[in-house]
Amino acid sequence: DRNYVIAAEYGFKFLTNYFYDKNN
């Protein structure tokens, strides 16, 4: 019913896609 590594992936991708500063 609940795969917690998939739940973690939601955050991992959000951090790398939006929080990460590609320039600096």
mmCIF file of all heavy atoms, coordinates in Angstrom:
data_MODEL
# 
_entry.id   MODEL 
# 
loop_
_atom_site.group_PDB 
_atom_site.id 
_atom_site.type_symbol 
_atom_site.label_atom_id 
_atom_site.label_alt_id 
_atom_site.label_comp_id 
_atom_site.label_asym_id 
_atom_site.label_entity_id 
_atom_site.label_seq_id 
_atom_site.pdbx_PDB_ins_code 
_atom_site.Cartn_x 
_atom_site.Cartn_y 
_atom_site.Cartn_z 
_atom_site.occupancy 
_atom_site.B_iso_or_equiv 
_atom_site.pdbx_formal_charge 
_atom_site.auth_seq_id 
_atom_site.auth_comp_id 
_atom_site.auth_asym_id 
_atom_site.auth_atom_id 
_atom_site.pdbx_PDB_model_num 
ATOM 1   N N   . ASP A 1 1  ? 0.808  -1.216 0.000   1.00 0.00 ? 1  ASP A N   1 
ATOM 2   C CA  . ASP A 1 1  ? 0.000  0.000  0.000   1.00 0.00 ? 1  ASP A CA  1 
ATOM 3   C C   . ASP A 1 1  ? 0.843  1.268  0.000   1.00 0.00 ? 1  ASP A C   1 
ATOM 4   O O   . ASP A 1 1  ? 0.460  2.285  -0.593  1.00 0.00 ? 1  ASP A O   1 
ATOM 5   C CB  . ASP A 1 1  ? -0.933 0.020  1.221   1.00 0.00 ? 1  ASP A CB  1 
ATOM 6   C CG  . ASP A 1 1  ? -1.960 -1.096 1.177   1.00 0.00 ? 1  ASP A CG  1 
ATOM 7   O OD1 . ASP A 1 1  ? -2.429 -1.407 0.066   1.00 0.00 ? 1  ASP A OD1 1 
ATOM 8   O OD2 . ASP A 1 1  ? -2.277 -1.652 2.250   1.00 0.00 ? 1  ASP A OD2 1 
ATOM 9   N N   . ARG A 1 2  ? 1.976  1.205  0.675   1.00 0.00 ? 2  ARG A N   1 
ATOM 10  C CA  . ARG A 1 2  ? 2.793  2.408  0.827   1.00 0.00 ? 2  ARG A CA  1 
ATOM 11  C C   . ARG A 1 2  ? 4.270  2.029  0.694   1.00 0.00 ? 2  ARG A C   1 
ATOM 12  O O   . ARG A 1 2  ? 4.837  1.408  1.589   1.00 0.00 ? 2  ARG A O   1 
ATOM 13  C CB  . ARG A 1 2  ? 2.540  3.073  2.185   1.00 0.00 ? 2  ARG A CB  1 
ATOM 14  C CG  . ARG A 1 2  ? 1.098  3.532  2.384   1.00 0.00 ? 2  ARG A CG  1 
ATOM 15  C CD  . ARG A 1 2  ? 0.897  4.101  3.786   1.00 0.00 ? 2  ARG A CD  1 
ATOM 16  N NE  . ARG A 1 2  ? -0.463 4.560  3.994   1.00 0.00 ? 2  ARG A NE  1 
ATOM 17  C CZ  . ARG A 1 2  ? -1.452 3.780  4.453   1.00 0.00 ? 2  ARG A CZ  1 
ATOM 18  N NH1 . ARG A 1 2  ? -1.216 2.493  4.741   1.00 0.00 ? 2  ARG A NH1 1 
ATOM 19  N NH2 . ARG A 1 2  ? -2.658 4.277  4.627   1.00 0.00 ? 2  ARG A NH2 1 
ATOM 20  N N   . ASN A 1 3  ? 4.850  2.438  -0.413  1.00 0.00 ? 3  ASN A N   1 
ATOM 21  C CA  . ASN A 1 3  ? 6.269  2.188  -0.644  1.00 0.00 ? 3  ASN A CA  1 
ATOM 22  C C   . ASN A 1 3  ? 7.035  3.449  -0.249  1.00 0.00 ? 3  ASN A C   1 
ATOM 23  O O   . ASN A 1 3  ? 6.948  4.481  -0.923  1.00 0.00 ? 3  ASN A O   1 
ATOM 24  C CB  . ASN A 1 3  ? 6.519  1.849  -2.120  1.00 0.00 ? 3  ASN A CB  1 
ATOM 25  C CG  . ASN A 1 3  ? 7.951  1.419  -2.372  1.00 0.00 ? 3  ASN A CG  1 
ATOM 26  O OD1 . ASN A 1 3  ? 8.887  1.969  -1.792  1.00 0.00 ? 3  ASN A OD1 1 
ATOM 27  N ND2 . ASN A 1 3  ? 8.131  0.437  -3.246  1.00 0.00 ? 3  ASN A ND2 1 
ATOM 28  N N   . TYR A 1 4  ? 7.799  3.360  0.813   1.00 0.00 ? 4  TYR A N   1 
ATOM 29  C CA  . TYR A 1 4  ? 8.401  4.565  1.374   1.00 0.00 ? 4  TYR A CA  1 
ATOM 30  C C   . TYR A 1 4  ? 9.627  5.047  0.611   1.00 0.00 ? 4  TYR A C   1 
ATOM 31  O O   . TYR A 1 4  ? 9.989  6.224  0.712   1.00 0.00 ? 4  TYR A O   1 
ATOM 32  C CB  . TYR A 1 4  ? 8.698  4.351  2.856   1.00 0.00 ? 4  TYR A CB  1 
ATOM 33  C CG  . TYR A 1 4  ? 7.407  4.178  3.646   1.00 0.00 ? 4  TYR A CG  1 
ATOM 34  C CD1 . TYR A 1 4  ? 7.122  2.987  4.315   1.00 0.00 ? 4  TYR A CD1 1 
ATOM 35  C CD2 . TYR A 1 4  ? 6.450  5.189  3.662   1.00 0.00 ? 4  TYR A CD2 1 
ATOM 36  C CE1 . TYR A 1 4  ? 5.923  2.825  4.997   1.00 0.00 ? 4  TYR A CE1 1 
ATOM 37  C CE2 . TYR A 1 4  ? 5.245  5.039  4.329   1.00 0.00 ? 4  TYR A CE2 1 
ATOM 38  C CZ  . TYR A 1 4  ? 4.985  3.855  5.002   1.00 0.00 ? 4  TYR A CZ  1 
ATOM 39  O OH  . TYR A 1 4  ? 3.792  3.703  5.667   1.00 0.00 ? 4  TYR A OH  1 
ATOM 40  N N   . VAL A 1 5  ? 10.247 4.207  -0.180  1.00 0.00 ? 5  VAL A N   1 
ATOM 41  C CA  . VAL A 1 5  ? 11.336 4.713  -1.005  1.00 0.00 ? 5  VAL A CA  1 
ATOM 42  C C   . VAL A 1 5  ? 10.784 5.554  -2.155  1.00 0.00 ? 5  VAL A C   1 
ATOM 43  O O   . VAL A 1 5  ? 11.421 6.533  -2.591  1.00 0.00 ? 5  VAL A O   1 
ATOM 44  C CB  . VAL A 1 5  ? 12.244 3.570  -1.523  1.00 0.00 ? 5  VAL A CB  1 
ATOM 45  C CG1 . VAL A 1 5  ? 11.588 2.767  -2.639  1.00 0.00 ? 5  VAL A CG1 1 
ATOM 46  C CG2 . VAL A 1 5  ? 13.582 4.129  -1.996  1.00 0.00 ? 5  VAL A CG2 1 
ATOM 47  N N   . ILE A 1 6  ? 9.598  5.222  -2.620  1.00 0.00 ? 6  ILE A N   1 
ATOM 48  C CA  . ILE A 1 6  ? 8.935  6.062  -3.626  1.00 0.00 ? 6  ILE A CA  1 
ATOM 49  C C   . ILE A 1 6  ? 8.520  7.386  -2.997  1.00 0.00 ? 6  ILE A C   1 
ATOM 50  O O   . ILE A 1 6  ? 8.645  8.456  -3.610  1.00 0.00 ? 6  ILE A O   1 
ATOM 51  C CB  . ILE A 1 6  ? 7.721  5.326  -4.232  1.00 0.00 ? 6  ILE A CB  1 
ATOM 52  C CG1 . ILE A 1 6  ? 8.201  4.134  -5.071  1.00 0.00 ? 6  ILE A CG1 1 
ATOM 53  C CG2 . ILE A 1 6  ? 6.880  6.276  -5.083  1.00 0.00 ? 6  ILE A CG2 1 
ATOM 54  C CD1 . ILE A 1 6  ? 7.086  3.288  -5.639  1.00 0.00 ? 6  ILE A CD1 1 
ATOM 55  N N   . ALA A 1 7  ? 8.065  7.327  -1.744  1.00 0.00 ? 7  ALA A N   1 
ATOM 56  C CA  . ALA A 1 7  ? 7.728  8.558  -1.022  1.00 0.00 ? 7  ALA A CA  1 
ATOM 57  C C   . ALA A 1 7  ? 8.962  9.452  -0.882  1.00 0.00 ? 7  ALA A C   1 
ATOM 58  O O   . ALA A 1 7  ? 8.880  10.680 -1.016  1.00 0.00 ? 7  ALA A O   1 
ATOM 59  C CB  . ALA A 1 7  ? 7.166  8.216  0.351   1.00 0.00 ? 7  ALA A CB  1 
ATOM 60  N N   . ALA A 1 8  ? 10.115 8.848  -0.627  1.00 0.00 ? 8  ALA A N   1 
ATOM 61  C CA  . ALA A 1 8  ? 11.363 9.608  -0.513  1.00 0.00 ? 8  ALA A CA  1 
ATOM 62  C C   . ALA A 1 8  ? 11.766 10.209 -1.854  1.00 0.00 ? 8  ALA A C   1 
ATOM 63  O O   . ALA A 1 8  ? 12.326 11.310 -1.913  1.00 0.00 ? 8  ALA A O   1 
ATOM 64  C CB  . ALA A 1 8  ? 12.468 8.705  0.017   1.00 0.00 ? 8  ALA A CB  1 
ATOM 65  N N   . GLU A 1 9  ? 11.471 9.493  -2.927  1.00 0.00 ? 9  GLU A N   1 
ATOM 66  C CA  . GLU A 1 9  ? 11.832 9.969  -4.267  1.00 0.00 ? 9  GLU A CA  1 
ATOM 67  C C   . GLU A 1 9  ? 11.151 11.292 -4.605  1.00 0.00 ? 9  GLU A C   1 
ATOM 68  O O   . GLU A 1 9  ? 11.729 12.152 -5.286  1.00 0.00 ? 9  GLU A O   1 
ATOM 69  C CB  . GLU A 1 9  ? 11.470 8.905  -5.306  1.00 0.00 ? 9  GLU A CB  1 
ATOM 70  C CG  . GLU A 1 9  ? 11.921 9.243  -6.711  1.00 0.00 ? 9  GLU A CG  1 
ATOM 71  C CD  . GLU A 1 9  ? 11.525 8.176  -7.719  1.00 0.00 ? 9  GLU A CD  1 
ATOM 72  O OE1 . GLU A 1 9  ? 10.634 7.350  -7.396  1.00 0.00 ? 9  GLU A OE1 1 
ATOM 73  O OE2 . GLU A 1 9  ? 12.096 8.169  -8.820  1.00 0.00 ? 9  GLU A OE2 1 
ATOM 74  N N   . TYR A 1 10 ? 9.918  11.476 -4.146  1.00 0.00 ? 10 TYR A N   1 
ATOM 75  C CA  . TYR A 1 10 ? 9.222  12.748 -4.372  1.00 0.00 ? 10 TYR A CA  1 
ATOM 76  C C   . TYR A 1 10 ? 10.052 13.922 -3.852  1.00 0.00 ? 10 TYR A C   1 
ATOM 77  O O   . TYR A 1 10 ? 10.137 14.972 -4.493  1.00 0.00 ? 10 TYR A O   1 
ATOM 78  C CB  . TYR A 1 10 ? 7.861  12.748 -3.667  1.00 0.00 ? 10 TYR A CB  1 
ATOM 79  C CG  . TYR A 1 10 ? 6.752  12.063 -4.425  1.00 0.00 ? 10 TYR A CG  1 
ATOM 80  C CD1 . TYR A 1 10 ? 6.403  10.745 -4.132  1.00 0.00 ? 10 TYR A CD1 1 
ATOM 81  C CD2 . TYR A 1 10 ? 6.044  12.729 -5.413  1.00 0.00 ? 10 TYR A CD2 1 
ATOM 82  C CE1 . TYR A 1 10 ? 5.368  10.110 -4.820  1.00 0.00 ? 10 TYR A CE1 1 
ATOM 83  C CE2 . TYR A 1 10 ? 5.012  12.102 -6.108  1.00 0.00 ? 10 TYR A CE2 1 
ATOM 84  C CZ  . TYR A 1 10 ? 4.687  10.796 -5.801  1.00 0.00 ? 10 TYR A CZ  1 
ATOM 85  O OH  . TYR A 1 10 ? 3.666  10.169 -6.485  1.00 0.00 ? 10 TYR A OH  1 
ATOM 86  N N   . GLY A 1 11 ? 10.651 13.748 -2.697  1.00 0.00 ? 11 GLY A N   1 
ATOM 87  C CA  . GLY A 1 11 ? 11.450 14.816 -2.118  1.00 0.00 ? 11 GLY A CA  1 
ATOM 88  C C   . GLY A 1 11 ? 12.816 14.937 -2.754  1.00 0.00 ? 11 GLY A C   1 
ATOM 89  O O   . GLY A 1 11 ? 13.314 16.047 -2.975  1.00 0.00 ? 11 GLY A O   1 
ATOM 90  N N   . PHE A 1 12 ? 13.439 13.809 -3.043  1.00 0.00 ? 12 PHE A N   1 
ATOM 91  C CA  . PHE A 1 12 ? 14.764 13.826 -3.671  1.00 0.00 ? 12 PHE A CA  1 
ATOM 92  C C   . PHE A 1 12 ? 14.707 14.567 -5.001  1.00 0.00 ? 12 PHE A C   1 
ATOM 93  O O   . PHE A 1 12 ? 15.556 15.430 -5.286  1.00 0.00 ? 12 PHE A O   1 
ATOM 94  C CB  . PHE A 1 12 ? 15.257 12.390 -3.869  1.00 0.00 ? 12 PHE A CB  1 
ATOM 95  C CG  . PHE A 1 12 ? 16.553 12.307 -4.624  1.00 0.00 ? 12 PHE A CG  1 
ATOM 96  C CD1 . PHE A 1 12 ? 17.744 12.682 -4.029  1.00 0.00 ? 12 PHE A CD1 1 
ATOM 97  C CD2 . PHE A 1 12 ? 16.569 11.851 -5.944  1.00 0.00 ? 12 PHE A CD2 1 
ATOM 98  C CE1 . PHE A 1 12 ? 18.945 12.618 -4.744  1.00 0.00 ? 12 PHE A CE1 1 
ATOM 99  C CE2 . PHE A 1 12 ? 17.759 11.773 -6.657  1.00 0.00 ? 12 PHE A CE2 1 
ATOM 100 C CZ  . PHE A 1 12 ? 18.955 12.165 -6.056  1.00 0.00 ? 12 PHE A CZ  1 
ATOM 101 N N   . LYS A 1 13 ? 13.732 14.262 -5.819  1.00 0.00 ? 13 LYS A N   1 
ATOM 102 C CA  . LYS A 1 13 ? 13.618 14.909 -7.127  1.00 0.00 ? 13 LYS A CA  1 
ATOM 103 C C   . LYS A 1 13 ? 13.277 16.386 -6.999  1.00 0.00 ? 13 LYS A C   1 
ATOM 104 O O   . LYS A 1 13 ? 13.775 17.222 -7.759  1.00 0.00 ? 13 LYS A O   1 
ATOM 105 C CB  . LYS A 1 13 ? 12.573 14.183 -7.987  1.00 0.00 ? 13 LYS A CB  1 
ATOM 106 C CG  . LYS A 1 13 ? 13.048 12.830 -8.494  1.00 0.00 ? 13 LYS A CG  1 
ATOM 107 C CD  . LYS A 1 13 ? 12.040 12.205 -9.440  1.00 0.00 ? 13 LYS A CD  1 
ATOM 108 C CE  . LYS A 1 13 ? 12.600 10.913 -10.051 1.00 0.00 ? 13 LYS A CE  1 
ATOM 109 N NZ  . LYS A 1 13 ? 11.619 10.270 -10.971 1.00 0.00 ? 13 LYS A NZ  1 
ATOM 110 N N   . PHE A 1 14 ? 12.425 16.734 -6.014  1.00 0.00 ? 14 PHE A N   1 
ATOM 111 C CA  . PHE A 1 14 ? 12.070 18.141 -5.844  1.00 0.00 ? 14 PHE A CA  1 
ATOM 112 C C   . PHE A 1 14 ? 13.299 18.945 -5.414  1.00 0.00 ? 14 PHE A C   1 
ATOM 113 O O   . PHE A 1 14 ? 13.534 20.048 -5.919  1.00 0.00 ? 14 PHE A O   1 
ATOM 114 C CB  . PHE A 1 14 ? 10.955 18.277 -4.800  1.00 0.00 ? 14 PHE A CB  1 
ATOM 115 C CG  . PHE A 1 14 ? 10.305 19.639 -4.801  1.00 0.00 ? 14 PHE A CG  1 
ATOM 116 C CD1 . PHE A 1 14 ? 9.298  19.929 -5.703  1.00 0.00 ? 14 PHE A CD1 1 
ATOM 117 C CD2 . PHE A 1 14 ? 10.709 20.622 -3.911  1.00 0.00 ? 14 PHE A CD2 1 
ATOM 118 C CE1 . PHE A 1 14 ? 8.702  21.192 -5.718  1.00 0.00 ? 14 PHE A CE1 1 
ATOM 119 C CE2 . PHE A 1 14 ? 10.115 21.878 -3.921  1.00 0.00 ? 14 PHE A CE2 1 
ATOM 120 C CZ  . PHE A 1 14 ? 9.111  22.166 -4.827  1.00 0.00 ? 14 PHE A CZ  1 
ATOM 121 N N   . LEU A 1 15 ? 14.083 18.401 -4.509  1.00 0.00 ? 15 LEU A N   1 
ATOM 122 C CA  . LEU A 1 15 ? 15.296 19.096 -4.064  1.00 0.00 ? 15 LEU A CA  1 
ATOM 123 C C   . LEU A 1 15 ? 16.286 19.260 -5.207  1.00 0.00 ? 15 LEU A C   1 
ATOM 124 O O   . LEU A 1 15 ? 16.885 20.335 -5.381  1.00 0.00 ? 15 LEU A O   1 
ATOM 125 C CB  . LEU A 1 15 ? 15.947 18.322 -2.916  1.00 0.00 ? 15 LEU A CB  1 
ATOM 126 C CG  . LEU A 1 15 ? 15.263 18.437 -1.550  1.00 0.00 ? 15 LEU A CG  1 
ATOM 127 C CD1 . LEU A 1 15 ? 15.770 17.356 -0.597  1.00 0.00 ? 15 LEU A CD1 1 
ATOM 128 C CD2 . LEU A 1 15 ? 15.502 19.821 -0.939  1.00 0.00 ? 15 LEU A CD2 1 
ATOM 129 N N   . THR A 1 16 ? 16.486 18.231 -6.001  1.00 0.00 ? 16 THR A N   1 
ATOM 130 C CA  . THR A 1 16 ? 17.476 18.315 -7.078  1.00 0.00 ? 16 THR A CA  1 
ATOM 131 C C   . THR A 1 16 ? 16.970 19.146 -8.256  1.00 0.00 ? 16 THR A C   1 
ATOM 132 O O   . THR A 1 16 ? 17.769 19.791 -8.948  1.00 0.00 ? 16 THR A O   1 
ATOM 133 C CB  . THR A 1 16 ? 17.871 16.913 -7.571  1.00 0.00 ? 16 THR A CB  1 
ATOM 134 O OG1 . THR A 1 16 ? 16.708 16.175 -7.948  1.00 0.00 ? 16 THR A OG1 1 
ATOM 135 C CG2 . THR A 1 16 ? 18.600 16.149 -6.470  1.00 0.00 ? 16 THR A CG2 1 
ATOM 136 N N   . ASN A 1 17 ? 15.658 19.177 -8.477  1.00 0.00 ? 17 ASN A N   1 
ATOM 137 C CA  . ASN A 1 17 ? 15.108 19.932 -9.605  1.00 0.00 ? 17 ASN A CA  1 
ATOM 138 C C   . ASN A 1 17 ? 14.912 21.415 -9.310  1.00 0.00 ? 17 ASN A C   1 
ATOM 139 O O   . ASN A 1 17 ? 15.062 22.257 -10.208 1.00 0.00 ? 17 ASN A O   1 
ATOM 140 C CB  . ASN A 1 17 ? 13.762 19.339 -10.047 1.00 0.00 ? 17 ASN A CB  1 
ATOM 141 C CG  . ASN A 1 17 ? 13.918 18.000 -10.736 1.00 0.00 ? 17 ASN A CG  1 
ATOM 142 O OD1 . ASN A 1 17 ? 14.983 17.672 -11.242 1.00 0.00 ? 17 ASN A OD1 1 
ATOM 143 N ND2 . ASN A 1 17 ? 12.858 17.202 -10.734 1.00 0.00 ? 17 ASN A ND2 1 
ATOM 144 N N   . TYR A 1 18 ? 14.577 21.744 -8.054  1.00 0.00 ? 18 TYR A N   1 
ATOM 145 C CA  . TYR A 1 18 ? 14.197 23.124 -7.745  1.00 0.00 ? 18 TYR A CA  1 
ATOM 146 C C   . TYR A 1 18 ? 15.078 23.812 -6.701  1.00 0.00 ? 18 TYR A C   1 
ATOM 147 O O   . TYR A 1 18 ? 15.314 25.015 -6.786  1.00 0.00 ? 18 TYR A O   1 
ATOM 148 C CB  . TYR A 1 18 ? 12.736 23.163 -7.281  1.00 0.00 ? 18 TYR A CB  1 
ATOM 149 C CG  . TYR A 1 18 ? 11.771 22.669 -8.331  1.00 0.00 ? 18 TYR A CG  1 
ATOM 150 C CD1 . TYR A 1 18 ? 11.150 21.430 -8.202  1.00 0.00 ? 18 TYR A CD1 1 
ATOM 151 C CD2 . TYR A 1 18 ? 11.506 23.421 -9.474  1.00 0.00 ? 18 TYR A CD2 1 
ATOM 152 C CE1 . TYR A 1 18 ? 10.277 20.957 -9.182  1.00 0.00 ? 18 TYR A CE1 1 
ATOM 153 C CE2 . TYR A 1 18 ? 10.635 22.964 -10.457 1.00 0.00 ? 18 TYR A CE2 1 
ATOM 154 C CZ  . TYR A 1 18 ? 10.026 21.728 -10.298 1.00 0.00 ? 18 TYR A CZ  1 
ATOM 155 O OH  . TYR A 1 18 ? 9.176  21.273 -11.267 1.00 0.00 ? 18 TYR A OH  1 
ATOM 156 N N   . PHE A 1 19 ? 15.547 23.086 -5.711  1.00 0.00 ? 19 PHE A N   1 
ATOM 157 C CA  . PHE A 1 19 ? 16.382 23.701 -4.683  1.00 0.00 ? 19 PHE A CA  1 
ATOM 158 C C   . PHE A 1 19 ? 17.838 23.829 -5.131  1.00 0.00 ? 19 PHE A C   1 
ATOM 159 O O   . PHE A 1 19 ? 18.557 24.713 -4.678  1.00 0.00 ? 19 PHE A O   1 
ATOM 160 C CB  . PHE A 1 19 ? 16.325 22.885 -3.388  1.00 0.00 ? 19 PHE A CB  1 
ATOM 161 C CG  . PHE A 1 19 ? 15.162 23.206 -2.499  1.00 0.00 ? 19 PHE A CG  1 
ATOM 162 C CD1 . PHE A 1 19 ? 13.896 22.693 -2.781  1.00 0.00 ? 19 PHE A CD1 1 
ATOM 163 C CD2 . PHE A 1 19 ? 15.312 24.007 -1.387  1.00 0.00 ? 19 PHE A CD2 1 
ATOM 164 C CE1 . PHE A 1 19 ? 12.818 22.975 -1.964  1.00 0.00 ? 19 PHE A CE1 1 
ATOM 165 C CE2 . PHE A 1 19 ? 14.242 24.299 -0.564  1.00 0.00 ? 19 PHE A CE2 1 
ATOM 166 C CZ  . PHE A 1 19 ? 12.991 23.788 -0.846  1.00 0.00 ? 19 PHE A CZ  1 
ATOM 167 N N   . TYR A 1 20 ? 18.272 22.955 -5.997  1.00 0.00 ? 20 TYR A N   1 
ATOM 168 C CA  . TYR A 1 20 ? 19.674 22.958 -6.410  1.00 0.00 ? 20 TYR A CA  1 
ATOM 169 C C   . TYR A 1 20 ? 20.000 24.174 -7.266  1.00 0.00 ? 20 TYR A C   1 
ATOM 170 O O   . TYR A 1 20 ? 19.268 24.518 -8.192  1.00 0.00 ? 20 TYR A O   1 
ATOM 171 C CB  . TYR A 1 20 ? 19.998 21.681 -7.186  1.00 0.00 ? 20 TYR A CB  1 
ATOM 172 C CG  . TYR A 1 20 ? 21.431 21.626 -7.654  1.00 0.00 ? 20 TYR A CG  1 
ATOM 173 C CD1 . TYR A 1 20 ? 22.477 21.563 -6.729  1.00 0.00 ? 20 TYR A CD1 1 
ATOM 174 C CD2 . TYR A 1 20 ? 21.744 21.671 -9.015  1.00 0.00 ? 20 TYR A CD2 1 
ATOM 175 C CE1 . TYR A 1 20 ? 23.806 21.519 -7.157  1.00 0.00 ? 20 TYR A CE1 1 
ATOM 176 C CE2 . TYR A 1 20 ? 23.061 21.625 -9.449  1.00 0.00 ? 20 TYR A CE2 1 
ATOM 177 C CZ  . TYR A 1 20 ? 24.089 21.564 -8.505  1.00 0.00 ? 20 TYR A CZ  1 
ATOM 178 O OH  . TYR A 1 20 ? 25.394 21.541 -8.926  1.00 0.00 ? 20 TYR A OH  1 
ATOM 179 N N   . ASP A 1 21 ? 21.106 24.841 -6.959  1.00 0.00 ? 21 ASP A N   1 
ATOM 180 C CA  . ASP A 1 21 ? 21.571 26.000 -7.700  1.00 0.00 ? 21 ASP A CA  1 
ATOM 181 C C   . ASP A 1 21 ? 22.518 25.524 -8.801  1.00 0.00 ? 21 ASP A C   1 
ATOM 182 O O   . ASP A 1 21 ? 23.674 25.180 -8.543  1.00 0.00 ? 21 ASP A O   1 
ATOM 183 C CB  . ASP A 1 21 ? 22.294 26.965 -6.745  1.00 0.00 ? 21 ASP A CB  1 
ATOM 184 C CG  . ASP A 1 21 ? 22.745 28.248 -7.433  1.00 0.00 ? 21 ASP A CG  1 
ATOM 185 O OD1 . ASP A 1 21 ? 22.751 28.300 -8.684  1.00 0.00 ? 21 ASP A OD1 1 
ATOM 186 O OD2 . ASP A 1 21 ? 23.109 29.201 -6.716  1.00 0.00 ? 21 ASP A OD2 1 
ATOM 187 N N   . LYS A 1 22 ? 22.018 25.498 -10.018 1.00 0.00 ? 22 LYS A N   1 
ATOM 188 C CA  . LYS A 1 22 ? 22.798 24.968 -11.143 1.00 0.00 ? 22 LYS A CA  1 
ATOM 189 C C   . LYS A 1 22 ? 23.989 25.853 -11.493 1.00 0.00 ? 22 LYS A C   1 
ATOM 190 O O   . LYS A 1 22 ? 24.949 25.386 -12.118 1.00 0.00 ? 22 LYS A O   1 
ATOM 191 C CB  . LYS A 1 22 ? 21.891 24.794 -12.365 1.00 0.00 ? 22 LYS A CB  1 
ATOM 192 C CG  . LYS A 1 22 ? 20.762 23.789 -12.158 1.00 0.00 ? 22 LYS A CG  1 
ATOM 193 C CD  . LYS A 1 22 ? 19.835 23.735 -13.359 1.00 0.00 ? 22 LYS A CD  1 
ATOM 194 C CE  . LYS A 1 22 ? 18.731 22.697 -13.167 1.00 0.00 ? 22 LYS A CE  1 
ATOM 195 N NZ  . LYS A 1 22 ? 17.826 23.062 -12.059 1.00 0.00 ? 22 LYS A NZ  1 
ATOM 196 N N   . ASN A 1 23 ? 23.947 27.115 -11.101 1.00 0.00 ? 23 ASN A N   1 
ATOM 197 C CA  . ASN A 1 23 ? 25.040 28.032 -11.432 1.00 0.00 ? 23 ASN A CA  1 
ATOM 198 C C   . ASN A 1 23 ? 26.170 28.014 -10.406 1.00 0.00 ? 23 ASN A C   1 
ATOM 199 O O   . ASN A 1 23 ? 27.350 28.070 -10.772 1.00 0.00 ? 23 ASN A O   1 
ATOM 200 C CB  . ASN A 1 23 ? 24.503 29.464 -11.561 1.00 0.00 ? 23 ASN A CB  1 
ATOM 201 C CG  . ASN A 1 23 ? 23.513 29.615 -12.692 1.00 0.00 ? 23 ASN A CG  1 
ATOM 202 O OD1 . ASN A 1 23 ? 23.722 29.076 -13.787 1.00 0.00 ? 23 ASN A OD1 1 
ATOM 203 N ND2 . ASN A 1 23 ? 22.422 30.324 -12.449 1.00 0.00 ? 23 ASN A ND2 1 
ATOM 204 N N   . ASN A 1 24 ? 25.806 27.939 -9.134  1.00 0.00 ? 24 ASN A N   1 
ATOM 205 C CA  . ASN A 1 24 ? 26.805 28.085 -8.071  1.00 0.00 ? 24 ASN A CA  1 
ATOM 206 C C   . ASN A 1 24 ? 26.999 26.859 -7.203  1.00 0.00 ? 24 ASN A C   1 
ATOM 207 O O   . ASN A 1 24 ? 27.901 26.822 -6.375  1.00 0.00 ? 24 ASN A O   1 
ATOM 208 C CB  . ASN A 1 24 ? 26.423 29.268 -7.167  1.00 0.00 ? 24 ASN A CB  1 
ATOM 209 C CG  . ASN A 1 24 ? 26.301 30.570 -7.928  1.00 0.00 ? 24 ASN A CG  1 
ATOM 210 O OD1 . ASN A 1 24 ? 27.273 31.066 -8.480  1.00 0.00 ? 24 ASN A OD1 1 
ATOM 211 N ND2 . ASN A 1 24 ? 25.088 31.113 -7.974  1.00 0.00 ? 24 ASN A ND2 1 
# 
